[in-house]
């Protein structure tokens, strides 16, 4: 994850992956959220992927 909060990458294996998001503002305590990201099929047909990218 980048410093602006963008999560990028190319998933290679379908599955559900647990993640923990943490927000800080310099005043304790930090806020946390335990959640998950589910990776499914690629969404690609031929050379086109959804959302459209090429």
C-alpha atoms as a PDB file:
ATOM      1  CA  UNK A   1       0.000   0.000   0.000  1.00  0.00           C
ATOM      2  CA  UNK A   2       1.298   3.427  -0.899  1.00  0.00           C
ATOM      3  CA  UNK A   3       1.430   6.355   1.516  1.00  0.00           C
ATOM      4  CA  UNK A   4      -1.746   7.799  -0.064  1.00  0.00           C
ATOM      5  CA  UNK A   5      -3.645   4.585   0.718  1.00  0.00           C
ATOM      6  CA  UNK A   6      -3.621   3.035  -2.757  1.00  0.00           C
ATOM      7  CA  UNK A   7      -3.477  -0.743  -2.885  1.00  0.00           C
ATOM      8  CA  UNK A   8      -1.977  -1.959  -6.154  1.00  0.00           C
ATOM      9  CA  UNK A   9      -0.766  -5.194  -7.651  1.00  0.00           C
ATOM     10  CA  UNK A  10      -1.792  -8.115  -9.799  1.00  0.00           C
ATOM     11  CA  UNK A  11      -3.401 -11.006  -7.949  1.00  0.00           C
ATOM     12  CA  UNK A  12      -2.155 -14.416  -9.029  1.00  0.00           C
ATOM     13  CA  UNK A  13      -4.124 -16.776  -6.771  1.00  0.00           C
ATOM     14  CA  UNK A  14      -7.831 -16.694  -6.014  1.00  0.00           C
ATOM     15  CA  UNK A  15      -8.784 -16.753  -2.350  1.00  0.00           C
ATOM     16  CA  UNK A  16      -9.775 -14.659   0.639  1.00  0.00           C
ATOM     17  CA  UNK A  17      -6.948 -12.847   2.372  1.00  0.00           C
ATOM     18  CA  UNK A  18      -7.173 -11.230   5.820  1.00  0.00           C
ATOM     19  CA  UNK A  19      -5.845  -7.683   6.163  1.00  0.00           C
ATOM     20  CA  UNK A  20      -5.660  -5.122   8.959  1.00  0.00           C
ATOM     21  CA  UNK A  21      -6.110  -1.435   8.138  1.00  0.00           C
ATOM     22  CA  UNK A  22      -4.656   1.075  10.594  1.00  0.00           C
ATOM     23  CA  UNK A  23      -5.292   4.816  10.675  1.00  0.00           C
ATOM     24  CA  UNK A  24      -3.152   7.146  12.763  1.00  0.00           C
ATOM     25  CA  UNK A  25      -3.305  10.868  13.405  1.00  0.00           C
ATOM     26  CA  UNK A  26      -0.688  11.248  16.122  1.00  0.00           C
ATOM     27  CA  UNK A  27      -3.202  10.915  18.937  1.00  0.00           C
ATOM     28  CA  UNK A  28      -3.472   7.506  20.584  1.00  0.00           C
ATOM     29  CA  UNK A  29      -5.034   5.092  20.147  1.00  0.00           C
ATOM     30  CA  UNK A  30      -4.745   4.228  16.454  1.00  0.00           C
ATOM     31  CA  UNK A  31      -7.937   3.072  14.732  1.00  0.00           C
ATOM     32  CA  UNK A  32      -7.795  -0.446  13.290  1.00  0.00           C
ATOM     33  CA  UNK A  33     -10.124  -2.518  11.141  1.00  0.00           C
ATOM     34  CA  UNK A  34      -9.711  -6.247  10.561  1.00  0.00           C
ATOM     35  CA  UNK A  35     -11.255  -7.234   7.235  1.00  0.00           C
ATOM     36  CA  UNK A  36     -10.471  -9.318   4.173  1.00  0.00           C
ATOM     37  CA  UNK A  37      -9.973  -8.992   0.439  1.00  0.00           C
ATOM     38  CA  UNK A  38     -11.463 -11.638  -1.844  1.00  0.00           C
ATOM     39  CA  UNK A  39      -9.675 -12.338  -5.122  1.00  0.00           C
ATOM     40  CA  UNK A  40     -11.793 -14.031  -7.799  1.00  0.00           C
ATOM     41  CA  UNK A  41     -11.331 -14.655 -11.532  1.00  0.00           C
ATOM     42  CA  UNK A  42      -9.226 -12.324 -13.614  1.00  0.00           C
ATOM     43  CA  UNK A  43     -12.068 -10.583 -15.463  1.00  0.00           C
ATOM     44  CA  UNK A  44     -10.072 -10.823 -18.685  1.00  0.00           C
ATOM     45  CA  UNK A  45     -11.261 -11.971 -22.076  1.00  0.00           C
ATOM     46  CA  UNK A  46      -8.570 -12.165 -24.715  1.00  0.00           C
ATOM     47  CA  UNK A  47      -6.522  -8.984 -24.435  1.00  0.00           C
ATOM     48  CA  UNK A  48      -9.248  -6.992 -22.630  1.00  0.00           C
ATOM     49  CA  UNK A  49      -9.629  -6.792 -18.867  1.00  0.00           C
ATOM     50  CA  UNK A  50     -12.378  -5.205 -16.759  1.00  0.00           C
ATOM     51  CA  UNK A  51     -12.141  -2.439 -15.828  1.00  0.00           C
ATOM     52  CA  UNK A  52     -10.800  -1.691 -19.276  1.00  0.00           C
ATOM     53  CA  UNK A  53      -7.027  -1.692 -19.390  1.00  0.00           C
ATOM     54  CA  UNK A  54      -4.737  -2.815 -22.096  1.00  0.00           C
END
